[in-house]
Amino acid sequence: MEAFSIVELMESHAKNINKWCMYIHTKLEDGEEIYKAAPYLKELYPDALMIPNKLVLTFDTEKEMDSCFNLTVGDNGPTKHNSYIGNCKVYALTCSNTGELLDENT
């Protein structure tokens, strides 16, 4: 038997498909506020009640991944590209297309 964390699976997945990835985690009770802390989720999940609290997003390019990462407001507060200061916080951890963990917003 083997066990893998979501982050370990993301690292392996990124390497296997040669794509950039970002793991995000938030509390389900954040509702519509999640769109303010992570606005790119509205396109993927138009109904906030349907957003899973843990996701791995895949991207074709590092630039595309970085763009979403820079819009993600976590515990460290607003970003250069997202001035949201509400209660919703979205943890984000990026991963290269070679499976290397990069940045996190804590």
N, C-alpha and C. Protein backbone atom coordinates (compact mmCIF):
# COMPACT_ATOMS: atom_id res chain seq x y z
N MET A 1 0.84 -1.16 0.00
CA MET A 1 0.00 0.00 0.00
C MET A 1 0.89 1.23 0.00
N GLU A 2 0.45 2.26 -0.72
CA GLU A 2 1.13 3.54 -0.72
C GLU A 2 0.11 4.63 -0.46
N ALA A 3 0.56 5.71 0.09
CA ALA A 3 -0.31 6.87 0.31
C ALA A 3 0.39 8.11 -0.25
N PHE A 4 -0.39 8.98 -0.87
CA PHE A 4 0.15 10.19 -1.47
C PHE A 4 -0.69 11.38 -1.04
N SER A 5 -0.04 12.47 -0.70
CA SER A 5 -0.76 13.70 -0.42
C SER A 5 -1.20 14.32 -1.75
N ILE A 6 -2.09 15.28 -1.67
CA ILE A 6 -2.53 15.98 -2.89
C ILE A 6 -1.34 16.68 -3.54
N VAL A 7 -0.47 17.23 -2.74
CA VAL A 7 0.70 17.93 -3.27
C VAL A 7 1.64 16.95 -3.98
N GLU A 8 1.86 15.79 -3.40
CA GLU A 8 2.70 14.78 -4.06
C GLU A 8 2.09 14.33 -5.38
N LEU A 9 0.78 14.17 -5.40
CA LEU A 9 0.10 13.79 -6.65
C LEU A 9 0.22 14.90 -7.69
N MET A 10 0.12 16.16 -7.24
CA MET A 10 0.26 17.28 -8.17
C MET A 10 1.66 17.30 -8.78
N GLU A 11 2.68 17.09 -7.96
CA GLU A 11 4.06 17.07 -8.46
C GLU A 11 4.22 16.01 -9.55
N SER A 12 3.72 14.82 -9.28
CA SER A 12 3.83 13.73 -10.24
C SER A 12 3.02 14.01 -11.50
N HIS A 13 1.81 14.51 -11.32
CA HIS A 13 0.93 14.81 -12.45
C HIS A 13 1.55 15.87 -13.36
N ALA A 14 2.07 16.94 -12.76
CA ALA A 14 2.69 18.01 -13.54
C ALA A 14 3.82 17.48 -14.41
N LYS A 15 4.64 16.64 -13.81
CA LYS A 15 5.77 16.06 -14.54
C LYS A 15 5.29 15.13 -15.65
N ASN A 16 4.31 14.30 -15.35
CA ASN A 16 3.82 13.33 -16.33
C ASN A 16 3.13 13.97 -17.52
N ILE A 17 2.42 15.08 -17.30
CA ILE A 17 1.71 15.71 -18.42
C ILE A 17 2.45 16.94 -18.96
N ASN A 18 3.61 17.26 -18.33
CA ASN A 18 4.43 18.39 -18.75
C ASN A 18 3.64 19.70 -18.76
N LYS A 19 2.88 19.91 -17.67
CA LYS A 19 2.11 21.15 -17.53
C LYS A 19 2.39 21.76 -16.18
N TRP A 20 2.18 23.05 -16.10
CA TRP A 20 2.32 23.80 -14.86
C TRP A 20 1.04 23.60 -14.06
N CYS A 21 1.17 23.52 -12.75
CA CYS A 21 0.00 23.25 -11.90
C CYS A 21 -0.02 24.20 -10.70
N MET A 22 -1.22 24.35 -10.16
CA MET A 22 -1.38 25.12 -8.94
C MET A 22 -2.45 24.44 -8.08
N TYR A 23 -2.07 24.14 -6.85
CA TYR A 23 -3.00 23.57 -5.88
C TYR A 23 -3.61 24.73 -5.10
N ILE A 24 -4.93 24.71 -4.95
CA ILE A 24 -5.59 25.72 -4.13
C ILE A 24 -6.50 25.05 -3.13
N HIS A 25 -6.69 25.72 -2.00
CA HIS A 25 -7.51 25.20 -0.92
C HIS A 25 -8.20 26.38 -0.24
N THR A 26 -9.48 26.22 -0.02
CA THR A 26 -10.24 27.23 0.72
C THR A 26 -11.34 26.52 1.49
N LYS A 27 -12.02 27.26 2.34
CA LYS A 27 -13.14 26.72 3.09
C LYS A 27 -14.40 26.82 2.26
N LEU A 28 -15.22 25.79 2.26
CA LEU A 28 -16.44 25.79 1.46
C LEU A 28 -17.41 26.87 1.89
N GLU A 29 -17.44 27.25 3.15
CA GLU A 29 -18.41 28.22 3.62
C GLU A 29 -18.11 29.66 3.16
N ASP A 30 -17.07 29.85 2.39
CA ASP A 30 -16.73 31.19 1.93
C ASP A 30 -17.67 31.71 0.84
N GLY A 31 -18.46 30.84 0.22
CA GLY A 31 -19.48 31.26 -0.75
C GLY A 31 -18.97 32.16 -1.85
N GLU A 32 -19.75 33.19 -2.17
CA GLU A 32 -19.43 34.11 -3.27
C GLU A 32 -18.12 34.87 -3.04
N GLU A 33 -17.68 34.98 -1.82
CA GLU A 33 -16.43 35.70 -1.53
C GLU A 33 -15.22 35.06 -2.20
N ILE A 34 -15.32 33.78 -2.49
CA ILE A 34 -14.19 33.09 -3.12
C ILE A 34 -13.85 33.71 -4.47
N TYR A 35 -14.87 34.23 -5.17
CA TYR A 35 -14.61 34.87 -6.47
C TYR A 35 -13.80 36.15 -6.33
N LYS A 36 -13.86 36.77 -5.17
CA LYS A 36 -13.06 37.98 -4.94
C LYS A 36 -11.62 37.61 -4.61
N ALA A 37 -11.43 36.50 -3.89
CA ALA A 37 -10.09 36.06 -3.50
C ALA A 37 -9.39 35.27 -4.61
N ALA A 38 -10.17 34.66 -5.51
CA ALA A 38 -9.63 33.88 -6.62
C ALA A 38 -10.57 34.04 -7.83
N PRO A 39 -10.53 35.19 -8.47
CA PRO A 39 -11.51 35.52 -9.51
C PRO A 39 -11.54 34.57 -10.71
N TYR A 40 -10.46 33.90 -11.01
CA TYR A 40 -10.41 32.97 -12.14
C TYR A 40 -11.33 31.76 -11.94
N LEU A 41 -11.76 31.50 -10.71
CA LEU A 41 -12.64 30.35 -10.45
C LEU A 41 -14.05 30.56 -11.00
N LYS A 42 -14.46 31.80 -11.17
CA LYS A 42 -15.82 32.07 -11.68
C LYS A 42 -16.02 31.46 -13.07
N GLU A 43 -14.99 31.49 -13.88
CA GLU A 43 -15.08 30.91 -15.23
C GLU A 43 -15.22 29.38 -15.15
N LEU A 44 -14.50 28.77 -14.23
CA LEU A 44 -14.54 27.31 -14.10
C LEU A 44 -15.78 26.83 -13.36
N TYR A 45 -16.20 27.59 -12.35
CA TYR A 45 -17.33 27.22 -11.50
C TYR A 45 -18.26 28.42 -11.33
N PRO A 46 -19.22 28.63 -12.25
CA PRO A 46 -20.13 29.78 -12.16
C PRO A 46 -21.01 29.76 -10.91
N ASP A 47 -21.22 28.59 -10.32
CA ASP A 47 -22.01 28.46 -9.10
C ASP A 47 -21.05 28.22 -7.94
N ALA A 48 -20.89 29.21 -7.07
CA ALA A 48 -19.91 29.12 -5.98
C ALA A 48 -20.16 27.92 -5.08
N LEU A 49 -21.40 27.46 -4.98
CA LEU A 49 -21.69 26.31 -4.13
C LEU A 49 -21.10 25.02 -4.67
N MET A 50 -20.71 25.02 -5.93
CA MET A 50 -20.17 23.81 -6.56
C MET A 50 -18.65 23.77 -6.56
N ILE A 51 -18.00 24.78 -6.02
CA ILE A 51 -16.54 24.81 -6.03
C ILE A 51 -16.00 23.86 -4.96
N PRO A 52 -15.22 22.86 -5.36
CA PRO A 52 -14.59 22.00 -4.34
C PRO A 52 -13.62 22.82 -3.49
N ASN A 53 -13.42 22.43 -2.25
CA ASN A 53 -12.53 23.22 -1.41
C ASN A 53 -11.05 22.94 -1.68
N LYS A 54 -10.75 21.88 -2.44
CA LYS A 54 -9.37 21.57 -2.82
C LYS A 54 -9.35 21.27 -4.32
N LEU A 55 -8.48 21.94 -5.03
CA LEU A 55 -8.38 21.77 -6.48
C LEU A 55 -6.92 21.77 -6.92
N VAL A 56 -6.63 21.07 -8.00
CA VAL A 56 -5.36 21.21 -8.70
C VAL A 56 -5.71 21.71 -10.09
N LEU A 57 -5.22 22.89 -10.41
CA LEU A 57 -5.45 23.51 -11.71
C LEU A 57 -4.23 23.25 -12.59
N THR A 58 -4.44 22.99 -13.87
CA THR A 58 -3.33 22.79 -14.79
C THR A 58 -3.29 23.93 -15.81
N PHE A 59 -2.08 24.26 -16.22
CA PHE A 59 -1.86 25.38 -17.14
C PHE A 59 -0.87 24.97 -18.22
N ASP A 60 -1.05 25.52 -19.40
CA ASP A 60 -0.13 25.24 -20.50
C ASP A 60 1.20 25.96 -20.35
N THR A 61 1.17 27.13 -19.69
CA THR A 61 2.39 27.92 -19.58
C THR A 61 2.60 28.41 -18.15
N GLU A 62 3.84 28.71 -17.86
CA GLU A 62 4.18 29.29 -16.55
C GLU A 62 3.52 30.66 -16.39
N LYS A 63 3.48 31.42 -17.46
CA LYS A 63 2.88 32.76 -17.42
C LYS A 63 1.40 32.68 -17.03
N GLU A 64 0.69 31.75 -17.61
CA GLU A 64 -0.74 31.57 -17.30
C GLU A 64 -0.91 31.20 -15.82
N MET A 65 -0.08 30.29 -15.33
CA MET A 65 -0.14 29.88 -13.92
C MET A 65 0.18 31.07 -13.01
N ASP A 66 1.24 31.79 -13.32
CA ASP A 66 1.63 32.94 -12.50
C ASP A 66 0.54 34.00 -12.46
N SER A 67 -0.15 34.18 -13.57
CA SER A 67 -1.24 35.15 -13.61
C SER A 67 -2.33 34.79 -12.60
N CYS A 68 -2.71 33.53 -12.55
CA CYS A 68 -3.72 33.09 -11.57
C CYS A 68 -3.16 33.16 -10.15
N PHE A 69 -1.93 32.75 -9.96
CA PHE A 69 -1.31 32.80 -8.63
C PHE A 69 -1.33 34.23 -8.11
N ASN A 70 -0.98 35.18 -8.97
CA ASN A 70 -0.91 36.59 -8.56
C ASN A 70 -2.28 37.21 -8.28
N LEU A 71 -3.34 36.55 -8.70
CA LEU A 71 -4.70 37.00 -8.40
C LEU A 71 -5.26 36.36 -7.14
N THR A 72 -4.53 35.41 -6.57
CA THR A 72 -5.03 34.62 -5.44
C THR A 72 -4.65 35.25 -4.11
N VAL A 73 -5.67 35.63 -3.34
CA VAL A 73 -5.44 36.26 -2.04
C VAL A 73 -5.49 35.20 -0.96
N GLY A 74 -4.35 35.02 -0.29
CA GLY A 74 -4.24 34.05 0.79
C GLY A 74 -4.08 34.74 2.13
N ASP A 75 -3.52 34.02 3.09
CA ASP A 75 -3.34 34.55 4.44
C ASP A 75 -2.45 35.79 4.49
N ASN A 76 -1.57 35.93 3.51
CA ASN A 76 -0.68 37.09 3.51
C ASN A 76 -1.36 38.34 2.95
N GLY A 77 -2.64 38.26 2.61
CA GLY A 77 -3.39 39.44 2.22
C GLY A 77 -3.39 39.73 0.74
N PRO A 78 -3.83 40.94 0.39
CA PRO A 78 -3.94 41.34 -1.01
C PRO A 78 -2.63 41.19 -1.77
N THR A 79 -2.76 41.03 -3.08
CA THR A 79 -1.59 40.90 -3.94
C THR A 79 -1.47 42.14 -4.82
N LYS A 80 -0.41 42.20 -5.57
CA LYS A 80 -0.19 43.32 -6.49
C LYS A 80 -1.33 43.41 -7.51
N HIS A 81 -1.94 42.27 -7.84
CA HIS A 81 -2.97 42.23 -8.88
C HIS A 81 -4.37 42.00 -8.35
N ASN A 82 -4.53 41.88 -7.02
CA ASN A 82 -5.85 41.68 -6.43
C ASN A 82 -5.87 42.35 -5.06
N SER A 83 -6.65 43.42 -4.95
CA SER A 83 -6.68 44.21 -3.72
C SER A 83 -7.75 43.75 -2.72
N TYR A 84 -8.35 42.60 -2.94
CA TYR A 84 -9.39 42.08 -2.05
C TYR A 84 -8.87 41.96 -0.61
N ILE A 85 -9.67 42.46 0.35
CA ILE A 85 -9.27 42.40 1.76
C ILE A 85 -10.35 41.77 2.64
N GLY A 86 -11.21 40.96 2.06
CA GLY A 86 -12.30 40.33 2.81
C GLY A 86 -11.86 39.13 3.62
N ASN A 87 -12.84 38.37 4.08
CA ASN A 87 -12.60 37.23 4.96
C ASN A 87 -12.14 35.96 4.26
N CYS A 88 -12.43 35.82 2.99
CA CYS A 88 -12.07 34.60 2.27
C CYS A 88 -10.58 34.59 1.98
N LYS A 89 -9.95 33.48 2.29
CA LYS A 89 -8.53 33.29 1.99
C LYS A 89 -8.38 32.01 1.18
N VAL A 90 -7.58 32.07 0.14
CA VAL A 90 -7.35 30.90 -0.71
C VAL A 90 -5.86 30.60 -0.70
N TYR A 91 -5.51 29.44 -0.16
CA TYR A 91 -4.12 29.00 -0.16
C TYR A 91 -3.77 28.53 -1.57
N ALA A 92 -2.59 28.91 -2.05
CA ALA A 92 -2.14 28.48 -3.37
C ALA A 92 -0.68 28.03 -3.30
N LEU A 93 -0.38 26.96 -4.03
CA LEU A 93 0.98 26.41 -4.14
C LEU A 93 1.20 26.05 -5.59
N THR A 94 2.25 26.60 -6.20
CA THR A 94 2.51 26.35 -7.62
C THR A 94 3.55 25.26 -7.80
N CYS A 95 3.51 24.67 -9.00
CA CYS A 95 4.39 23.55 -9.33
C CYS A 95 4.79 23.67 -10.80
N SER A 96 6.06 23.48 -11.08
CA SER A 96 6.55 23.57 -12.46
C SER A 96 6.12 22.34 -13.26
N ASN A 97 6.33 22.43 -14.56
CA ASN A 97 6.00 21.30 -15.44
C ASN A 97 6.99 20.13 -15.29
N THR A 98 7.99 20.32 -14.44
CA THR A 98 8.92 19.22 -14.14
C THR A 98 8.67 18.63 -12.76
N GLY A 99 7.59 19.10 -12.10
CA GLY A 99 7.23 18.57 -10.79
C GLY A 99 7.89 19.26 -9.61
N GLU A 100 8.54 20.38 -9.84
CA GLU A 100 9.21 21.13 -8.77
C GLU A 100 8.24 22.12 -8.13
N LEU A 101 8.10 22.06 -6.79
CA LEU A 101 7.27 23.03 -6.09
C LEU A 101 7.92 24.39 -6.15
N LEU A 102 7.09 25.43 -6.35
CA LEU A 102 7.63 26.78 -6.52
C LEU A 102 7.17 27.73 -5.42
N ASP A 103 6.11 28.46 -5.65
CA ASP A 103 5.67 29.51 -4.72
C ASP A 103 4.41 29.12 -3.97
N GLU A 104 4.27 29.66 -2.76
CA GLU A 104 3.02 29.54 -2.03
C GLU A 104 2.69 30.89 -1.43
N ASN A 105 1.42 31.12 -1.21
CA ASN A 105 0.98 32.44 -0.75
C ASN A 105 0.59 32.45 0.73
N THR A 106 1.51 32.04 1.58
CA THR A 106 1.22 32.05 3.02
C THR A 106 1.93 33.17 3.70
